[in-house]
Amino acid sequence: MHKKFMLEAIKEARKALALKEVPVGAIVVLDDKVIGRGHNLVETMNDPTSHAEIIAIKDAARQLGHWRLTNSTLYVTLEPCPMCAGAIVNSRLKRLVFGAYDSKSGAISSLMNLVQDKRLNHFVDVYDGICQKECARLLQEFFRGLRQE
């Protein structure tokens, strides 16, 4: 089940790649239905908060007509940063599934675990490393291309 939806998040990451954005994609799923989609648009929007996770969370909240995404799952191709981890907690997502790890800014397992910090008001179930190789490959190819330019 997780692989099926992660492949949808990877499709979103490819949209970012087509725009020369860092290829990160995200979807929000509720009751086996995609209710939110997003991909990185930081460069396109000239907005440092336009991460795939934030866009997908906002889209899902619009679709539901409220900000609480209780019982929903966020699938994202890269381990979320601290900003996105905060949005995950604040939106009350039940579950987070991510692909590649981010050793420089990952706030789920690499540098810290913000979404399972007992001091916060919400705890998120986490499943990591889903389609990790494919997610990491997209990022590696993107950054290799930048270095060659």
N, C-alpha and C. Protein backbone atom coordinates (compact mmCIF):
# COMPACT_ATOMS: atom_id res chain seq x y z
N MET A 1 0.83 -1.20 0.00
CA MET A 1 0.00 0.00 0.00
C MET A 1 0.87 1.26 0.00
N HIS A 2 1.89 1.30 0.88
CA HIS A 2 2.72 2.50 0.94
C HIS A 2 3.45 2.74 -0.39
N LYS A 3 3.90 1.68 -1.03
CA LYS A 3 4.62 1.84 -2.29
C LYS A 3 3.73 2.48 -3.36
N LYS A 4 2.50 2.05 -3.44
CA LYS A 4 1.55 2.59 -4.43
C LYS A 4 1.44 4.11 -4.30
N PHE A 5 1.28 4.60 -3.09
CA PHE A 5 1.12 6.04 -2.89
C PHE A 5 2.45 6.78 -3.01
N MET A 6 3.55 6.12 -2.63
CA MET A 6 4.85 6.77 -2.79
C MET A 6 5.15 6.98 -4.28
N LEU A 7 4.70 6.07 -5.12
CA LEU A 7 4.88 6.26 -6.56
C LEU A 7 4.12 7.49 -7.05
N GLU A 8 2.99 7.80 -6.43
CA GLU A 8 2.25 9.03 -6.75
C GLU A 8 3.05 10.26 -6.31
N ALA A 9 3.68 10.17 -5.15
CA ALA A 9 4.52 11.29 -4.68
C ALA A 9 5.72 11.47 -5.62
N ILE A 10 6.26 10.38 -6.11
CA ILE A 10 7.37 10.46 -7.06
C ILE A 10 6.92 11.16 -8.35
N LYS A 11 5.70 10.94 -8.78
CA LYS A 11 5.17 11.66 -9.95
C LYS A 11 5.17 13.16 -9.70
N GLU A 12 4.81 13.55 -8.48
CA GLU A 12 4.85 14.97 -8.12
C GLU A 12 6.28 15.49 -8.14
N ALA A 13 7.22 14.69 -7.65
CA ALA A 13 8.63 15.10 -7.65
C ALA A 13 9.12 15.32 -9.08
N ARG A 14 8.66 14.50 -10.00
CA ARG A 14 9.05 14.67 -11.41
C ARG A 14 8.51 15.99 -11.98
N LYS A 15 7.36 16.43 -11.49
CA LYS A 15 6.82 17.74 -11.91
C LYS A 15 7.77 18.86 -11.47
N ALA A 16 8.28 18.75 -10.24
CA ALA A 16 9.24 19.74 -9.75
C ALA A 16 10.51 19.71 -10.61
N LEU A 17 10.97 18.52 -10.91
CA LEU A 17 12.17 18.36 -11.73
C LEU A 17 12.00 19.04 -13.09
N ALA A 18 10.84 18.89 -13.69
CA ALA A 18 10.56 19.51 -15.00
C ALA A 18 10.64 21.03 -14.92
N LEU A 19 10.41 21.58 -13.72
CA LEU A 19 10.49 23.03 -13.51
C LEU A 19 11.87 23.48 -13.02
N LYS A 20 12.81 22.52 -12.99
CA LYS A 20 14.16 22.77 -12.46
C LYS A 20 14.15 23.12 -10.98
N GLU A 21 13.16 22.58 -10.28
CA GLU A 21 13.07 22.70 -8.83
C GLU A 21 13.71 21.45 -8.22
N VAL A 22 14.12 21.53 -6.95
CA VAL A 22 14.59 20.33 -6.27
C VAL A 22 13.45 19.31 -6.32
N PRO A 23 13.71 18.11 -6.85
CA PRO A 23 12.62 17.15 -7.10
C PRO A 23 12.09 16.46 -5.84
N VAL A 24 11.20 17.15 -5.17
CA VAL A 24 10.51 16.59 -4.01
C VAL A 24 9.02 16.68 -4.30
N GLY A 25 8.33 15.57 -4.05
CA GLY A 25 6.89 15.52 -4.26
C GLY A 25 6.20 14.97 -3.03
N ALA A 26 4.93 15.36 -2.86
CA ALA A 26 4.16 14.93 -1.69
C ALA A 26 2.70 14.78 -2.06
N ILE A 27 2.05 13.85 -1.38
CA ILE A 27 0.59 13.70 -1.49
C ILE A 27 0.03 13.44 -0.09
N VAL A 28 -1.22 13.81 0.10
CA VAL A 28 -1.95 13.50 1.33
C VAL A 28 -3.05 12.53 0.96
N VAL A 29 -3.17 11.46 1.74
CA VAL A 29 -4.14 10.40 1.46
C VAL A 29 -5.07 10.24 2.66
N LEU A 30 -6.36 10.14 2.38
CA LEU A 30 -7.37 9.85 3.40
C LEU A 30 -8.31 8.79 2.84
N ASP A 31 -8.50 7.72 3.59
CA ASP A 31 -9.38 6.62 3.15
C ASP A 31 -9.01 6.13 1.75
N ASP A 32 -7.72 5.93 1.53
CA ASP A 32 -7.18 5.41 0.25
C ASP A 32 -7.45 6.32 -0.94
N LYS A 33 -7.70 7.60 -0.69
CA LYS A 33 -7.94 8.57 -1.76
C LYS A 33 -6.98 9.75 -1.59
N VAL A 34 -6.37 10.16 -2.68
CA VAL A 34 -5.47 11.33 -2.65
C VAL A 34 -6.33 12.58 -2.52
N ILE A 35 -6.09 13.34 -1.44
CA ILE A 35 -6.85 14.57 -1.21
C ILE A 35 -5.99 15.83 -1.30
N GLY A 36 -4.67 15.64 -1.46
CA GLY A 36 -3.78 16.78 -1.59
C GLY A 36 -2.53 16.40 -2.35
N ARG A 37 -2.04 17.32 -3.16
CA ARG A 37 -0.83 17.09 -3.95
C ARG A 37 0.06 18.32 -3.89
N GLY A 38 1.35 18.08 -3.98
CA GLY A 38 2.28 19.19 -4.04
C GLY A 38 3.66 18.76 -4.49
N HIS A 39 4.38 19.69 -5.06
CA HIS A 39 5.79 19.50 -5.39
C HIS A 39 6.50 20.82 -5.13
N ASN A 40 7.80 20.73 -4.97
CA ASN A 40 8.56 21.94 -4.65
C ASN A 40 8.33 23.03 -5.68
N LEU A 41 8.10 24.24 -5.18
CA LEU A 41 7.92 25.42 -6.04
C LEU A 41 8.68 26.62 -5.47
N VAL A 42 9.72 26.35 -4.72
CA VAL A 42 10.48 27.42 -4.05
C VAL A 42 11.00 28.43 -5.06
N GLU A 43 11.65 27.96 -6.11
CA GLU A 43 12.23 28.86 -7.12
C GLU A 43 11.13 29.51 -7.96
N THR A 44 10.16 28.72 -8.37
CA THR A 44 9.08 29.21 -9.21
C THR A 44 8.28 30.31 -8.52
N MET A 45 7.96 30.11 -7.25
CA MET A 45 7.17 31.06 -6.48
C MET A 45 8.03 32.11 -5.77
N ASN A 46 9.36 31.91 -5.81
CA ASN A 46 10.27 32.78 -5.06
C ASN A 46 9.83 32.86 -3.60
N ASP A 47 9.55 31.67 -3.03
CA ASP A 47 8.98 31.56 -1.70
C ASP A 47 9.64 30.39 -0.95
N PRO A 48 10.40 30.67 0.09
CA PRO A 48 11.10 29.60 0.81
C PRO A 48 10.17 28.62 1.53
N THR A 49 8.89 28.96 1.64
CA THR A 49 7.95 28.04 2.30
C THR A 49 7.20 27.16 1.30
N SER A 50 7.48 27.27 0.03
CA SER A 50 6.76 26.50 -0.99
C SER A 50 7.37 25.10 -1.18
N HIS A 51 7.49 24.39 -0.06
CA HIS A 51 7.95 23.01 -0.10
C HIS A 51 6.78 22.10 -0.48
N ALA A 52 7.09 20.96 -1.04
CA ALA A 52 6.07 20.00 -1.49
C ALA A 52 5.08 19.66 -0.37
N GLU A 53 5.59 19.43 0.84
CA GLU A 53 4.74 19.04 1.97
C GLU A 53 3.74 20.13 2.31
N ILE A 54 4.20 21.36 2.37
CA ILE A 54 3.34 22.50 2.72
C ILE A 54 2.23 22.64 1.68
N ILE A 55 2.61 22.56 0.41
CA ILE A 55 1.63 22.70 -0.66
C ILE A 55 0.60 21.58 -0.61
N ALA A 56 1.04 20.34 -0.39
CA ALA A 56 0.11 19.20 -0.31
C ALA A 56 -0.81 19.32 0.90
N ILE A 57 -0.28 19.76 2.03
CA ILE A 57 -1.09 19.94 3.24
C ILE A 57 -2.14 21.01 3.01
N LYS A 58 -1.76 22.14 2.42
CA LYS A 58 -2.71 23.21 2.13
C LYS A 58 -3.79 22.73 1.17
N ASP A 59 -3.40 21.98 0.15
CA ASP A 59 -4.35 21.45 -0.82
C ASP A 59 -5.35 20.52 -0.14
N ALA A 60 -4.85 19.64 0.72
CA ALA A 60 -5.74 18.71 1.44
C ALA A 60 -6.70 19.46 2.35
N ALA A 61 -6.21 20.46 3.05
CA ALA A 61 -7.08 21.24 3.95
C ALA A 61 -8.18 21.95 3.15
N ARG A 62 -7.82 22.48 1.99
CA ARG A 62 -8.83 23.11 1.11
C ARG A 62 -9.88 22.09 0.68
N GLN A 63 -9.42 20.90 0.28
CA GLN A 63 -10.34 19.86 -0.18
C GLN A 63 -11.31 19.44 0.92
N LEU A 64 -10.80 19.33 2.16
CA LEU A 64 -11.64 18.90 3.29
C LEU A 64 -12.47 20.04 3.87
N GLY A 65 -12.03 21.25 3.67
CA GLY A 65 -12.74 22.39 4.23
C GLY A 65 -12.38 22.67 5.68
N HIS A 66 -11.30 22.06 6.16
CA HIS A 66 -10.79 22.36 7.51
C HIS A 66 -9.33 21.95 7.59
N TRP A 67 -8.63 22.52 8.58
CA TRP A 67 -7.19 22.34 8.67
C TRP A 67 -6.75 21.06 9.37
N ARG A 68 -7.62 20.44 10.10
CA ARG A 68 -7.23 19.21 10.80
C ARG A 68 -7.26 18.03 9.82
N LEU A 69 -6.11 17.43 9.60
CA LEU A 69 -6.00 16.31 8.67
C LEU A 69 -5.92 14.98 9.43
N THR A 70 -6.66 14.91 10.50
CA THR A 70 -6.72 13.71 11.34
C THR A 70 -7.03 12.49 10.47
N ASN A 71 -6.36 11.40 10.74
CA ASN A 71 -6.51 10.13 10.02
C ASN A 71 -5.95 10.15 8.60
N SER A 72 -5.27 11.21 8.24
CA SER A 72 -4.65 11.29 6.91
C SER A 72 -3.18 10.91 6.98
N THR A 73 -2.65 10.53 5.82
CA THR A 73 -1.24 10.16 5.69
C THR A 73 -0.57 11.07 4.68
N LEU A 74 0.61 11.57 5.03
CA LEU A 74 1.43 12.34 4.09
C LEU A 74 2.52 11.43 3.55
N TYR A 75 2.59 11.33 2.23
CA TYR A 75 3.67 10.63 1.55
C TYR A 75 4.57 11.68 0.93
N VAL A 76 5.86 11.61 1.20
CA VAL A 76 6.79 12.60 0.64
C VAL A 76 8.09 11.89 0.27
N THR A 77 8.68 12.32 -0.83
CA THR A 77 9.85 11.62 -1.36
C THR A 77 11.13 11.88 -0.57
N LEU A 78 11.17 12.94 0.21
CA LEU A 78 12.36 13.28 1.00
C LEU A 78 11.97 13.56 2.44
N GLU A 79 12.80 13.13 3.35
CA GLU A 79 12.56 13.38 4.78
C GLU A 79 12.31 14.88 5.00
N PRO A 80 11.21 15.23 5.65
CA PRO A 80 10.87 16.64 5.84
C PRO A 80 11.87 17.42 6.70
N CYS A 81 11.98 18.71 6.39
CA CYS A 81 12.80 19.65 7.14
C CYS A 81 12.04 20.08 8.40
N PRO A 82 12.67 20.86 9.28
CA PRO A 82 11.97 21.31 10.50
C PRO A 82 10.69 22.10 10.22
N MET A 83 10.68 22.96 9.21
CA MET A 83 9.47 23.73 8.89
C MET A 83 8.33 22.79 8.52
N CYS A 84 8.61 21.84 7.65
CA CYS A 84 7.57 20.92 7.20
C CYS A 84 7.15 19.96 8.32
N ALA A 85 8.10 19.54 9.14
CA ALA A 85 7.77 18.69 10.28
C ALA A 85 6.81 19.42 11.22
N GLY A 86 7.04 20.71 11.42
CA GLY A 86 6.12 21.50 12.25
C GLY A 86 4.73 21.56 11.64
N ALA A 87 4.65 21.72 10.33
CA ALA A 87 3.35 21.75 9.65
C ALA A 87 2.66 20.40 9.76
N ILE A 88 3.42 19.33 9.72
CA ILE A 88 2.86 17.98 9.86
C ILE A 88 2.23 17.82 11.24
N VAL A 89 2.92 18.25 12.26
CA VAL A 89 2.38 18.18 13.63
C VAL A 89 1.15 19.08 13.75
N ASN A 90 1.27 20.32 13.28
CA ASN A 90 0.17 21.29 13.44
C ASN A 90 -1.08 20.89 12.67
N SER A 91 -0.94 20.17 11.56
CA SER A 91 -2.11 19.76 10.79
C SER A 91 -2.72 18.46 11.31
N ARG A 92 -2.10 17.89 12.33
CA ARG A 92 -2.61 16.68 13.00
C ARG A 92 -2.65 15.46 12.09
N LEU A 93 -1.72 15.40 11.15
CA LEU A 93 -1.62 14.20 10.31
C LEU A 93 -1.39 12.98 11.19
N LYS A 94 -2.00 11.89 10.84
CA LYS A 94 -1.84 10.65 11.61
C LYS A 94 -0.52 9.97 11.30
N ARG A 95 -0.12 10.02 10.04
CA ARG A 95 0.99 9.20 9.59
C ARG A 95 1.83 9.96 8.57
N LEU A 96 3.13 9.70 8.61
CA LEU A 96 4.08 10.24 7.64
C LEU A 96 4.84 9.08 7.04
N VAL A 97 4.92 9.06 5.72
CA VAL A 97 5.70 8.05 5.00
C VAL A 97 6.66 8.81 4.10
N PHE A 98 7.97 8.56 4.26
CA PHE A 98 8.91 9.26 3.39
C PHE A 98 9.90 8.28 2.76
N GLY A 99 10.52 8.75 1.68
CA GLY A 99 11.43 7.92 0.90
C GLY A 99 12.88 8.09 1.30
N ALA A 100 13.54 9.09 0.76
CA ALA A 100 14.97 9.32 0.98
C ALA A 100 15.21 10.08 2.29
N TYR A 101 16.36 9.82 2.88
CA TYR A 101 16.77 10.53 4.09
C TYR A 101 17.49 11.81 3.70
N ASP A 102 17.42 12.82 4.58
CA ASP A 102 18.09 14.09 4.35
C ASP A 102 19.06 14.36 5.50
N SER A 103 20.32 14.02 5.28
CA SER A 103 21.31 14.12 6.35
C SER A 103 21.62 15.56 6.75
N LYS A 104 21.25 16.53 5.92
CA LYS A 104 21.58 17.93 6.22
C LYS A 104 20.44 18.70 6.87
N SER A 105 19.19 18.31 6.62
CA SER A 105 18.09 19.05 7.24
C SER A 105 16.89 18.18 7.61
N GLY A 106 17.05 16.88 7.62
CA GLY A 106 15.94 15.99 7.96
C GLY A 106 15.55 16.08 9.42
N ALA A 107 14.29 16.38 9.66
CA ALA A 107 13.80 16.59 11.04
C ALA A 107 12.90 15.45 11.53
N ILE A 108 13.05 14.27 10.91
CA ILE A 108 12.26 13.12 11.32
C ILE A 108 13.15 12.04 11.93
N SER A 109 14.32 11.82 11.32
CA SER A 109 15.23 10.84 11.89
C SER A 109 16.70 11.23 11.74
N SER A 110 17.05 11.99 10.73
CA SER A 110 18.46 12.29 10.47
C SER A 110 19.08 13.23 11.50
N LEU A 111 18.46 14.37 11.75
CA LEU A 111 19.00 15.33 12.71
C LEU A 111 18.24 15.36 14.03
N MET A 112 16.96 15.10 13.95
CA MET A 112 16.07 15.12 15.11
C MET A 112 14.80 14.39 14.74
N ASN A 113 13.90 14.24 15.69
CA ASN A 113 12.60 13.64 15.39
C ASN A 113 11.52 14.55 15.95
N LEU A 114 11.19 15.55 15.19
CA LEU A 114 10.24 16.56 15.63
C LEU A 114 8.81 16.04 15.71
N VAL A 115 8.43 15.12 14.83
CA VAL A 115 7.03 14.69 14.77
C VAL A 115 6.68 13.66 15.85
N GLN A 116 7.69 13.19 16.59
CA GLN A 116 7.42 12.25 17.67
C GLN A 116 7.99 12.75 19.00
N ASP A 117 8.18 14.05 19.09
CA ASP A 117 8.68 14.65 20.33
C ASP A 117 7.54 14.70 21.34
N LYS A 118 7.71 14.03 22.44
CA LYS A 118 6.65 13.91 23.45
C LYS A 118 6.28 15.26 24.09
N ARG A 119 7.11 16.28 23.90
CA ARG A 119 6.80 17.59 24.46
C ARG A 119 5.75 18.32 23.63
N LEU A 120 5.52 17.86 22.42
CA LEU A 120 4.53 18.51 21.55
C LEU A 120 3.15 17.91 21.76
N ASN A 121 2.16 18.57 21.22
CA ASN A 121 0.77 18.18 21.46
C ASN A 121 0.24 17.10 20.52
N HIS A 122 1.08 16.61 19.61
CA HIS A 122 0.61 15.61 18.65
C HIS A 122 1.77 14.67 18.30
N PHE A 123 1.48 13.42 18.11
CA PHE A 123 2.46 12.38 17.79
C PHE A 123 2.08 11.77 16.45
N VAL A 124 3.04 11.65 15.54
CA VAL A 124 2.79 11.15 14.19
C VAL A 124 3.49 9.79 14.01
N ASP A 125 2.78 8.82 13.47
CA ASP A 125 3.40 7.54 13.12
C ASP A 125 4.28 7.75 11.90
N VAL A 126 5.46 7.13 11.89
CA VAL A 126 6.41 7.34 10.80
C VAL A 126 6.82 6.01 10.17
N TYR A 127 6.83 6.00 8.84
CA TYR A 127 7.35 4.88 8.06
C TYR A 127 8.38 5.47 7.11
N ASP A 128 9.62 5.02 7.21
CA ASP A 128 10.69 5.65 6.43
C ASP A 128 11.32 4.68 5.44
N GLY A 129 12.03 5.23 4.48
CA GLY A 129 12.76 4.44 3.51
C GLY A 129 11.91 3.76 2.46
N ILE A 130 10.67 4.21 2.26
CA ILE A 130 9.80 3.61 1.25
C ILE A 130 10.23 4.12 -0.14
N CYS A 131 10.56 3.23 -1.04
CA CYS A 131 11.07 3.57 -2.38
C CYS A 131 12.30 4.48 -2.27
N GLN A 132 13.10 4.24 -1.26
CA GLN A 132 14.24 5.10 -0.95
C GLN A 132 15.19 5.27 -2.12
N LYS A 133 15.53 4.21 -2.80
CA LYS A 133 16.50 4.29 -3.90
C LYS A 133 15.99 5.17 -5.04
N GLU A 134 14.74 5.00 -5.42
CA GLU A 134 14.19 5.80 -6.51
C GLU A 134 14.10 7.28 -6.12
N CYS A 135 13.69 7.54 -4.88
CA CYS A 135 13.59 8.93 -4.41
C CYS A 135 14.97 9.58 -4.36
N ALA A 136 15.96 8.85 -3.85
CA ALA A 136 17.32 9.38 -3.75
C ALA A 136 17.92 9.59 -5.13
N ARG A 137 17.64 8.68 -6.06
CA ARG A 137 18.19 8.78 -7.41
C ARG A 137 17.74 10.08 -8.10
N LEU A 138 16.46 10.44 -7.92
CA LEU A 138 15.96 11.69 -8.50
C LEU A 138 16.77 12.89 -7.99
N LEU A 139 17.00 12.91 -6.70
CA LEU A 139 17.75 14.02 -6.10
C LEU A 139 19.20 14.02 -6.55
N GLN A 140 19.83 12.85 -6.58
CA GLN A 140 21.23 12.76 -7.00
C GLN A 140 21.40 13.23 -8.43
N GLU A 141 20.50 12.82 -9.32
CA GLU A 141 20.58 13.24 -10.72
C GLU A 141 20.40 14.75 -10.85
N PHE A 142 19.47 15.31 -10.09
CA PHE A 142 19.23 16.75 -10.12
C PHE A 142 20.49 17.52 -9.71
N PHE A 143 21.07 17.14 -8.57
CA PHE A 143 22.23 17.88 -8.08
C PHE A 143 23.47 17.62 -8.93
N ARG A 144 23.60 16.44 -9.51
CA ARG A 144 24.70 16.16 -10.42
C ARG A 144 24.59 17.09 -11.64
N GLY A 145 23.38 17.26 -12.14
CA GLY A 145 23.15 18.16 -13.27
C GLY A 145 23.50 19.59 -12.95
N LEU A 146 23.17 20.03 -11.73
CA LEU A 146 23.50 21.41 -11.33
C LEU A 146 25.02 21.61 -11.29
N ARG A 147 25.73 20.61 -10.75
CA ARG A 147 27.18 20.73 -10.66
C ARG A 147 27.83 20.76 -12.04
N GLN A 148 27.23 20.10 -13.01
CA GLN A 148 27.80 20.06 -14.36
C GLN A 148 27.55 21.36 -15.13
N GLU A 149 26.54 22.13 -14.71
CA GLU A 149 26.22 23.39 -15.43
C GLU A 149 27.19 24.48 -15.15
